Every structure is written in structure tokens, then in C-alpha cells.
Amino acid sequence: MDFKIYVHLLVRIYEKCGTIGTEKYIEHFSMAELKHEIELWRRAAARVSVVSREESIMKALFQQKAAQRENALIRQLYRMR
């Protein structure tokens, strides 16, 4: 087989299959990023000791942010089906 034809076929196969794999990789990367962010918000909420009104508000905000990120992760998982 001529080298130019071989390279052309490899490029075409990569264009077809490479983009599909790249999209899945990006989705999995963003899911891992969301999971990491959820864990960070949970840790931040756990570290706040509720002594004053402001600290209880901060803890509630951190927990709310973790719940929002969890919902975003669930929506992303649902879209992948």
C-alpha cells in the first residue's frame, strides 16, 4: 500500500474515532472535576464551627453549594445515558 494512502486512511480513522473518544474524555474529566468540587465544599462546611450567626450562614451556604454541584453531577450523568 502506498504510504500516502496509508497515512490518509489513518488520519480519516482518527478523525472519525478520535473526536468521539475526546468528547467522552472531556465528559469524564468534568465529572471528576465536579466530584472534587463537591468534596471541597463538603470539607469547607465541616470545618466551620457554628458559634455565631454568621458562621451558621456560611456553613449553610457551603452545604447549599455542595448540593448544587451534586445536582449538576446528577444532571450530567442523566444526559450521558
PDB file of N, CA and C in Angstrom:
ATOM      1  N   MET A   1       0.854  -1.170   0.000  1.00  0.00           N
ATOM      2  CA  MET A   1       0.000   0.000   0.000  1.00  0.00           C
ATOM      3  C   MET A   1       0.901   1.234   0.000  1.00  0.00           C
ATOM      4  N   ASP A   2       0.527   2.190  -0.765  1.00  0.00           N
ATOM      5  CA  ASP A   2       1.291   3.423  -0.849  1.00  0.00           C
ATOM      6  C   ASP A   2       1.261   4.137   0.505  1.00  0.00           C
ATOM      7  N   PHE A   3       2.368   4.701   0.926  1.00  0.00           N
ATOM      8  CA  PHE A   3       2.490   5.353   2.224  1.00  0.00           C
ATOM      9  C   PHE A   3       1.509   6.507   2.378  1.00  0.00           C
ATOM     10  N   LYS A   4       1.315   7.309   1.317  1.00  0.00           N
ATOM     11  CA  LYS A   4       0.394   8.453   1.389  1.00  0.00           C
ATOM     12  C   LYS A   4      -1.042   7.990   1.624  1.00  0.00           C
ATOM     13  N   ILE A   5      -1.430   6.914   0.971  1.00  0.00           N
ATOM     14  CA  ILE A   5      -2.788   6.396   1.152  1.00  0.00           C
ATOM     15  C   ILE A   5      -2.948   5.869   2.573  1.00  0.00           C
ATOM     16  N   TYR A   6      -1.929   5.183   3.071  1.00  0.00           N
ATOM     17  CA  TYR A   6      -1.954   4.644   4.421  1.00  0.00           C
ATOM     18  C   TYR A   6      -2.117   5.764   5.450  1.00  0.00           C
ATOM     19  N   VAL A   7      -1.339   6.819   5.317  1.00  0.00           N
ATOM     20  CA  VAL A   7      -1.420   7.953   6.234  1.00  0.00           C
ATOM     21  C   VAL A   7      -2.788   8.615   6.132  1.00  0.00           C
ATOM     22  N   HIS A   8      -3.289   8.755   4.906  1.00  0.00           N
ATOM     23  CA  HIS A   8      -4.600   9.369   4.704  1.00  0.00           C
ATOM     24  C   HIS A   8      -5.687   8.551   5.406  1.00  0.00           C
ATOM     25  N   LEU A   9      -5.626   7.225   5.295  1.00  0.00           N
ATOM     26  CA  LEU A   9      -6.612   6.376   5.962  1.00  0.00           C
ATOM     27  C   LEU A   9      -6.508   6.486   7.482  1.00  0.00           C
ATOM     28  N   LEU A  10      -5.299   6.519   7.991  1.00  0.00           N
ATOM     29  CA  LEU A  10      -5.126   6.679   9.436  1.00  0.00           C
ATOM     30  C   LEU A  10      -5.686   8.008   9.931  1.00  0.00           C
ATOM     31  N   VAL A  11      -5.466   9.057   9.178  1.00  0.00           N
ATOM     32  CA  VAL A  11      -5.992  10.373   9.558  1.00  0.00           C
ATOM     33  C   VAL A  11      -7.517  10.346   9.546  1.00  0.00           C
ATOM     34  N   ARG A  12      -8.107   9.733   8.544  1.00  0.00           N
ATOM     35  CA  ARG A  12      -9.570   9.653   8.452  1.00  0.00           C
ATOM     36  C   ARG A  12     -10.154   8.851   9.621  1.00  0.00           C
ATOM     37  N   ILE A  13      -9.502   7.743   9.954  1.00  0.00           N
ATOM     38  CA  ILE A  13      -9.974   6.930  11.078  1.00  0.00           C
ATOM     39  C   ILE A  13      -9.859   7.719  12.372  1.00  0.00           C
ATOM     40  N   TYR A  14      -8.764   8.423  12.541  1.00  0.00           N
ATOM     41  CA  TYR A  14      -8.585   9.225  13.750  1.00  0.00           C
ATOM     42  C   TYR A  14      -9.645  10.315  13.829  1.00  0.00           C
ATOM     43  N   GLU A  15      -9.970  10.941  12.703  1.00  0.00           N
ATOM     44  CA  GLU A  15     -10.995  11.982  12.703  1.00  0.00           C
ATOM     45  C   GLU A  15     -12.338  11.413  13.125  1.00  0.00           C
ATOM     46  N   LYS A  16     -12.667  10.231  12.650  1.00  0.00           N
ATOM     47  CA  LYS A  16     -13.947   9.604  12.998  1.00  0.00           C
ATOM     48  C   LYS A  16     -13.969   9.159  14.450  1.00  0.00           C
ATOM     49  N   CYS A  17     -12.972   8.409  14.859  1.00  0.00           N
ATOM     50  CA  CYS A  17     -12.968   7.805  16.188  1.00  0.00           C
ATOM     51  C   CYS A  17     -12.368   8.716  17.250  1.00  0.00           C
ATOM     52  N   GLY A  18     -11.445   9.547  16.868  1.00  0.00           N
ATOM     53  CA  GLY A  18     -10.757  10.394  17.838  1.00  0.00           C
ATOM     54  C   GLY A  18     -11.659  11.428  18.469  1.00  0.00           C
ATOM     55  N   THR A  19     -12.575  11.996  17.702  1.00  0.00           N
ATOM     56  CA  THR A  19     -13.445  13.024  18.260  1.00  0.00           C
ATOM     57  C   THR A  19     -14.440  12.430  19.240  1.00  0.00           C
ATOM     58  N   ILE A  20     -14.912  11.214  18.963  1.00  0.00           N
ATOM     59  CA  ILE A  20     -15.853  10.575  19.872  1.00  0.00           C
ATOM     60  C   ILE A  20     -15.175  10.299  21.208  1.00  0.00           C
ATOM     61  N   GLY A  21     -13.974   9.762  21.166  1.00  0.00           N
ATOM     62  CA  GLY A  21     -13.245   9.493  22.394  1.00  0.00           C
ATOM     63  C   GLY A  21     -12.908  10.763  23.156  1.00  0.00           C
ATOM     64  N   THR A  22     -12.606  11.827  22.434  1.00  0.00           N
ATOM     65  CA  THR A  22     -12.276  13.093  23.072  1.00  0.00           C
ATOM     66  C   THR A  22     -13.471  13.653  23.822  1.00  0.00           C
ATOM     67  N   GLU A  23     -14.661  13.565  23.226  1.00  0.00           N
ATOM     68  CA  GLU A  23     -15.862  14.065  23.894  1.00  0.00           C
ATOM     69  C   GLU A  23     -16.126  13.283  25.172  1.00  0.00           C
ATOM     70  N   LYS A  24     -15.965  11.963  25.107  1.00  0.00           N
ATOM     71  CA  LYS A  24     -16.186  11.153  26.304  1.00  0.00           C
ATOM     72  C   LYS A  24     -15.148  11.480  27.368  1.00  0.00           C
ATOM     73  N   TYR A  25     -13.904  11.698  26.949  1.00  0.00           N
ATOM     74  CA  TYR A  25     -12.844  12.047  27.902  1.00  0.00           C
ATOM     75  C   TYR A  25     -13.169  13.367  28.579  1.00  0.00           C
ATOM     76  N   ILE A  26     -13.631  14.349  27.804  1.00  0.00           N
ATOM     77  CA  ILE A  26     -13.973  15.658  28.374  1.00  0.00           C
ATOM     78  C   ILE A  26     -15.119  15.513  29.358  1.00  0.00           C
ATOM     79  N   GLU A  27     -16.137  14.694  29.024  1.00  0.00           N
ATOM     80  CA  GLU A  27     -17.258  14.483  29.942  1.00  0.00           C
ATOM     81  C   GLU A  27     -16.775  13.833  31.238  1.00  0.00           C
ATOM     82  N   HIS A  28     -15.916  12.819  31.133  1.00  0.00           N
ATOM     83  CA  HIS A  28     -15.426  12.150  32.335  1.00  0.00           C
ATOM     84  C   HIS A  28     -14.542  13.082  33.153  1.00  0.00           C
ATOM     85  N   PHE A  29     -13.777  13.917  32.483  1.00  0.00           N
ATOM     86  CA  PHE A  29     -12.929  14.872  33.194  1.00  0.00           C
ATOM     87  C   PHE A  29     -13.791  15.881  33.951  1.00  0.00           C
ATOM     88  N   SER A  30     -14.853  16.387  33.317  1.00  0.00           N
ATOM     89  CA  SER A  30     -15.703  17.358  34.000  1.00  0.00           C
ATOM     90  C   SER A  30     -16.458  16.705  35.155  1.00  0.00           C
ATOM     91  N   MET A  31     -16.803  15.417  35.014  1.00  0.00           N
ATOM     92  CA  MET A  31     -17.454  14.717  36.119  1.00  0.00           C
ATOM     93  C   MET A  31     -16.496  14.566  37.295  1.00  0.00           C
ATOM     94  N   ALA A  32     -15.253  14.233  37.013  1.00  0.00           N
ATOM     95  CA  ALA A  32     -14.262  14.104  38.076  1.00  0.00           C
ATOM     96  C   ALA A  32     -14.030  15.458  38.748  1.00  0.00           C
ATOM     97  N   GLU A  33     -14.039  16.507  37.941  1.00  0.00           N
ATOM     98  CA  GLU A  33     -13.869  17.846  38.488  1.00  0.00           C
ATOM     99  C   GLU A  33     -15.039  18.220  39.398  1.00  0.00           C
ATOM    100  N   LEU A  34     -16.262  17.876  38.987  1.00  0.00           N
ATOM    101  CA  LEU A  34     -17.437  18.138  39.821  1.00  0.00           C
ATOM    102  C   LEU A  34     -17.366  17.362  41.132  1.00  0.00           C
ATOM    103  N   LYS A  35     -16.963  16.103  41.068  1.00  0.00           N
ATOM    104  CA  LYS A  35     -16.850  15.301  42.290  1.00  0.00           C
ATOM    105  C   LYS A  35     -15.830  15.906  43.244  1.00  0.00           C
ATOM    106  N   HIS A  36     -14.719  16.384  42.689  1.00  0.00           N
ATOM    107  CA  HIS A  36     -13.694  17.020  43.517  1.00  0.00           C
ATOM    108  C   HIS A  36     -14.229  18.298  44.148  1.00  0.00           C
ATOM    109  N   GLU A  37     -14.953  19.084  43.367  1.00  0.00           N
ATOM    110  CA  GLU A  37     -15.510  20.335  43.886  1.00  0.00           C
ATOM    111  C   GLU A  37     -16.541  20.069  44.977  1.00  0.00           C
ATOM    112  N   ILE A  38     -17.360  19.026  44.805  1.00  0.00           N
ATOM    113  CA  ILE A  38     -18.344  18.657  45.837  1.00  0.00           C
ATOM    114  C   ILE A  38     -17.633  18.314  47.133  1.00  0.00           C
ATOM    115  N   GLU A  39     -16.571  17.548  47.019  1.00  0.00           N
ATOM    116  CA  GLU A  39     -15.816  17.162  48.210  1.00  0.00           C
ATOM    117  C   GLU A  39     -15.206  18.386  48.905  1.00  0.00           C
ATOM    118  N   LEU A  40     -14.712  19.337  48.121  1.00  0.00           N
ATOM    119  CA  LEU A  40     -14.146  20.555  48.714  1.00  0.00           C
ATOM    120  C   LEU A  40     -15.200  21.359  49.467  1.00  0.00           C
ATOM    121  N   TRP A  41     -16.391  21.512  48.891  1.00  0.00           N
ATOM    122  CA  TRP A  41     -17.456  22.258  49.567  1.00  0.00           C
ATOM    123  C   TRP A  41     -17.894  21.542  50.840  1.00  0.00           C
ATOM    124  N   ARG A  42     -17.957  20.203  50.794  1.00  0.00           N
ATOM    125  CA  ARG A  42     -18.330  19.448  51.995  1.00  0.00           C
ATOM    126  C   ARG A  42     -17.293  19.620  53.094  1.00  0.00           C
ATOM    127  N   ARG A  43     -16.012  19.566  52.718  1.00  0.00           N
ATOM    128  CA  ARG A  43     -14.952  19.760  53.719  1.00  0.00           C
ATOM    129  C   ARG A  43     -14.996  21.160  54.312  1.00  0.00           C
ATOM    130  N   ALA A  44     -15.265  22.146  53.463  1.00  0.00           N
ATOM    131  CA  ALA A  44     -15.350  23.528  53.955  1.00  0.00           C
ATOM    132  C   ALA A  44     -16.496  23.670  54.950  1.00  0.00           C
ATOM    133  N   ALA A  45     -17.629  23.042  54.652  1.00  0.00           N
ATOM    134  CA  ALA A  45     -18.771  23.109  55.565  1.00  0.00           C
ATOM    135  C   ALA A  45     -18.466  22.382  56.874  1.00  0.00           C
ATOM    136  N   ALA A  46     -17.737  21.286  56.797  1.00  0.00           N
ATOM    137  CA  ALA A  46     -17.410  20.524  58.002  1.00  0.00           C
ATOM    138  C   ALA A  46     -16.431  21.280  58.906  1.00  0.00           C
ATOM    139  N   ARG A  47     -15.597  22.112  58.324  1.00  0.00           N
ATOM    140  CA  ARG A  47     -14.595  22.830  59.112  1.00  0.00           C
ATOM    141  C   ARG A  47     -15.153  24.042  59.852  1.00  0.00           C
ATOM    142  N   VAL A  48     -16.305  24.515  59.429  1.00  0.00           N
ATOM    143  CA  VAL A  48     -16.879  25.701  60.071  1.00  0.00           C
ATOM    144  C   VAL A  48     -17.532  25.276  61.382  1.00  0.00           C
ATOM    145  N   SER A  49     -17.055  25.850  62.469  1.00  0.00           N
ATOM    146  CA  SER A  49     -17.686  25.586  63.758  1.00  0.00           C
ATOM    147  C   SER A  49     -18.744  26.667  63.995  1.00  0.00           C
ATOM    148  N   VAL A  50     -19.956  26.219  64.253  1.00  0.00           N
ATOM    149  CA  VAL A  50     -21.075  27.150  64.372  1.00  0.00           C
ATOM    150  C   VAL A  50     -21.081  27.732  65.784  1.00  0.00           C
ATOM    151  N   VAL A  51     -20.627  28.979  65.861  1.00  0.00           N
ATOM    152  CA  VAL A  51     -20.627  29.696  67.126  1.00  0.00           C
ATOM    153  C   VAL A  51     -21.513  30.925  67.004  1.00  0.00           C
ATOM    154  N   SER A  52     -21.418  31.575  65.870  1.00  0.00           N
ATOM    155  CA  SER A  52     -22.199  32.795  65.683  1.00  0.00           C
ATOM    156  C   SER A  52     -23.174  32.617  64.519  1.00  0.00           C
ATOM    157  N   ARG A  53     -23.995  33.610  64.361  1.00  0.00           N
ATOM    158  CA  ARG A  53     -24.990  33.593  63.286  1.00  0.00           C
ATOM    159  C   ARG A  53     -24.315  33.597  61.913  1.00  0.00           C
ATOM    160  N   GLU A  54     -23.243  34.376  61.771  1.00  0.00           N
ATOM    161  CA  GLU A  54     -22.537  34.466  60.504  1.00  0.00           C
ATOM    162  C   GLU A  54     -21.912  33.122  60.114  1.00  0.00           C
ATOM    163  N   GLU A  55     -21.373  32.428  61.105  1.00  0.00           N
ATOM    164  CA  GLU A  55     -20.759  31.129  60.821  1.00  0.00           C
ATOM    165  C   GLU A  55     -21.805  30.092  60.425  1.00  0.00           C
ATOM    166  N   SER A  56     -22.977  30.165  61.040  1.00  0.00           N
ATOM    167  CA  SER A  56     -24.036  29.226  60.648  1.00  0.00           C
ATOM    168  C   SER A  56     -24.516  29.527  59.229  1.00  0.00           C
ATOM    169  N   ILE A  57     -24.545  30.800  58.846  1.00  0.00           N
ATOM    170  CA  ILE A  57     -24.920  31.179  57.478  1.00  0.00           C
ATOM    171  C   ILE A  57     -23.865  30.668  56.493  1.00  0.00           C
ATOM    172  N   MET A  58     -22.589  30.827  56.843  1.00  0.00           N
ATOM    173  CA  MET A  58     -21.515  30.351  55.966  1.00  0.00           C
ATOM    174  C   MET A  58     -21.584  28.833  55.787  1.00  0.00           C
ATOM    175  N   LYS A  59     -21.840  28.121  56.878  1.00  0.00           N
ATOM    176  CA  LYS A  59     -21.936  26.667  56.790  1.00  0.00           C
ATOM    177  C   LYS A  59     -23.108  26.263  55.887  1.00  0.00           C
ATOM    178  N   ALA A  60     -24.234  26.939  56.042  1.00  0.00           N
ATOM    179  CA  ALA A  60     -25.403  26.647  55.204  1.00  0.00           C
ATOM    180  C   ALA A  60     -25.110  26.953  53.736  1.00  0.00           C
ATOM    181  N   LEU A  61     -24.371  28.033  53.473  1.00  0.00           N
ATOM    182  CA  LEU A  61     -24.011  28.366  52.093  1.00  0.00           C
ATOM    183  C   LEU A  61     -23.079  27.320  51.484  1.00  0.00           C
ATOM    184  N   PHE A  62     -22.126  26.838  52.272  1.00  0.00           N
ATOM    185  CA  PHE A  62     -21.230  25.794  51.779  1.00  0.00           C
ATOM    186  C   PHE A  62     -21.999  24.505  51.470  1.00  0.00           C
ATOM    187  N   GLN A  63     -22.937  24.148  52.349  1.00  0.00           N
ATOM    188  CA  GLN A  63     -23.746  22.957  52.123  1.00  0.00           C
ATOM    189  C   GLN A  63     -24.650  23.132  50.895  1.00  0.00           C
ATOM    190  N   GLN A  64     -25.166  24.329  50.719  1.00  0.00           N
ATOM    191  CA  GLN A  64     -26.001  24.611  49.557  1.00  0.00           C
ATOM    192  C   GLN A  64     -25.189  24.494  48.264  1.00  0.00           C
ATOM    193  N   LYS A  65     -23.976  25.012  48.283  1.00  0.00           N
ATOM    194  CA  LYS A  65     -23.119  24.927  47.106  1.00  0.00           C
ATOM    195  C   LYS A  65     -22.788  23.467  46.782  1.00  0.00           C
ATOM    196  N   ALA A  66     -22.539  22.650  47.806  1.00  0.00           N
ATOM    197  CA  ALA A  66     -22.279  21.231  47.583  1.00  0.00           C
ATOM    198  C   ALA A  66     -23.511  20.548  46.980  1.00  0.00           C
ATOM    199  N   ALA A  67     -24.684  20.903  47.449  1.00  0.00           N
ATOM    200  CA  ALA A  67     -25.915  20.315  46.909  1.00  0.00           C
ATOM    201  C   ALA A  67     -26.134  20.741  45.460  1.00  0.00           C
ATOM    202  N   GLN A  68     -25.822  21.981  45.126  1.00  0.00           N
ATOM    203  CA  GLN A  68     -25.953  22.452  43.745  1.00  0.00           C
ATOM    204  C   GLN A  68     -25.002  21.694  42.824  1.00  0.00           C
ATOM    205  N   ARG A  69     -23.787  21.489  43.275  1.00  0.00           N
ATOM    206  CA  ARG A  69     -22.815  20.746  42.468  1.00  0.00           C
ATOM    207  C   ARG A  69     -23.251  19.285  42.304  1.00  0.00           C
ATOM    208  N   GLU A  70     -23.824  18.692  43.367  1.00  0.00           N
ATOM    209  CA  GLU A  70     -24.328  17.324  43.264  1.00  0.00           C
ATOM    210  C   GLU A  70     -25.449  17.241  42.238  1.00  0.00           C
ATOM    211  N   ASN A  71     -26.341  18.214  42.226  1.00  0.00           N
ATOM    212  CA  ASN A  71     -27.419  18.238  41.237  1.00  0.00           C
ATOM    213  C   ASN A  71     -26.859  18.377  39.826  1.00  0.00           C
ATOM    214  N   ALA A  72     -25.832  19.182  39.661  1.00  0.00           N
ATOM    215  CA  ALA A  72     -25.201  19.335  38.343  1.00  0.00           C
ATOM    216  C   ALA A  72     -24.580  18.011  37.900  1.00  0.00           C
ATOM    217  N   LEU A  73     -23.975  17.289  38.827  1.00  0.00           N
ATOM    218  CA  LEU A  73     -23.389  15.991  38.506  1.00  0.00           C
ATOM    219  C   LEU A  73     -24.468  14.991  38.112  1.00  0.00           C
ATOM    220  N   ILE A  74     -25.572  14.980  38.845  1.00  0.00           N
ATOM    221  CA  ILE A  74     -26.678  14.072  38.523  1.00  0.00           C
ATOM    222  C   ILE A  74     -27.255  14.395  37.146  1.00  0.00           C
ATOM    223  N   ARG A  75     -27.402  15.680  36.833  1.00  0.00           N
ATOM    224  CA  ARG A  75     -27.903  16.070  35.508  1.00  0.00           C
ATOM    225  C   ARG A  75     -26.939  15.610  34.412  1.00  0.00           C
ATOM    226  N   GLN A  76     -25.658  15.736  34.648  1.00  0.00           N
ATOM    227  CA  GLN A  76     -24.667  15.313  33.663  1.00  0.00           C
ATOM    228  C   GLN A  76     -24.697  13.801  33.478  1.00  0.00           C
ATOM    229  N   LEU A  77     -24.843  13.051  34.556  1.00  0.00           N
ATOM    230  CA  LEU A  77     -24.948  11.598  34.457  1.00  0.00           C
ATOM    231  C   LEU A  77     -26.213  11.202  33.704  1.00  0.00           C
ATOM    232  N   TYR A  78     -27.292  11.916  33.935  1.00  0.00           N
ATOM    233  CA  TYR A  78     -28.552  11.624  33.256  1.00  0.00           C
ATOM    234  C   TYR A  78     -28.428  11.863  31.760  1.00  0.00           C
ATOM    235  N   ARG A  79     -27.712  12.921  31.376  1.00  0.00           N
ATOM    236  CA  ARG A  79     -27.518  13.229  29.948  1.00  0.00           C
ATOM    237  C   ARG A  79     -26.656  12.175  29.249  1.00  0.00           C
ATOM    238  N   MET A  80     -25.780  11.514  29.989  1.00  0.00           N
ATOM    239  CA  MET A  80     -24.886  10.520  29.391  1.00  0.00           C
ATOM    240  C   MET A  80     -25.610   9.235  29.025  1.00  0.00           C
ATOM    241  N   ARG A  81     -26.757   8.980  29.613  1.00  0.00           N
ATOM    242  CA  ARG A  81     -27.494   7.739  29.343  1.00  0.00           C
ATOM    243  C   ARG A  81     -27.762   7.551  27.918  1.00  0.00           C
TER     244      ARG A  81
END
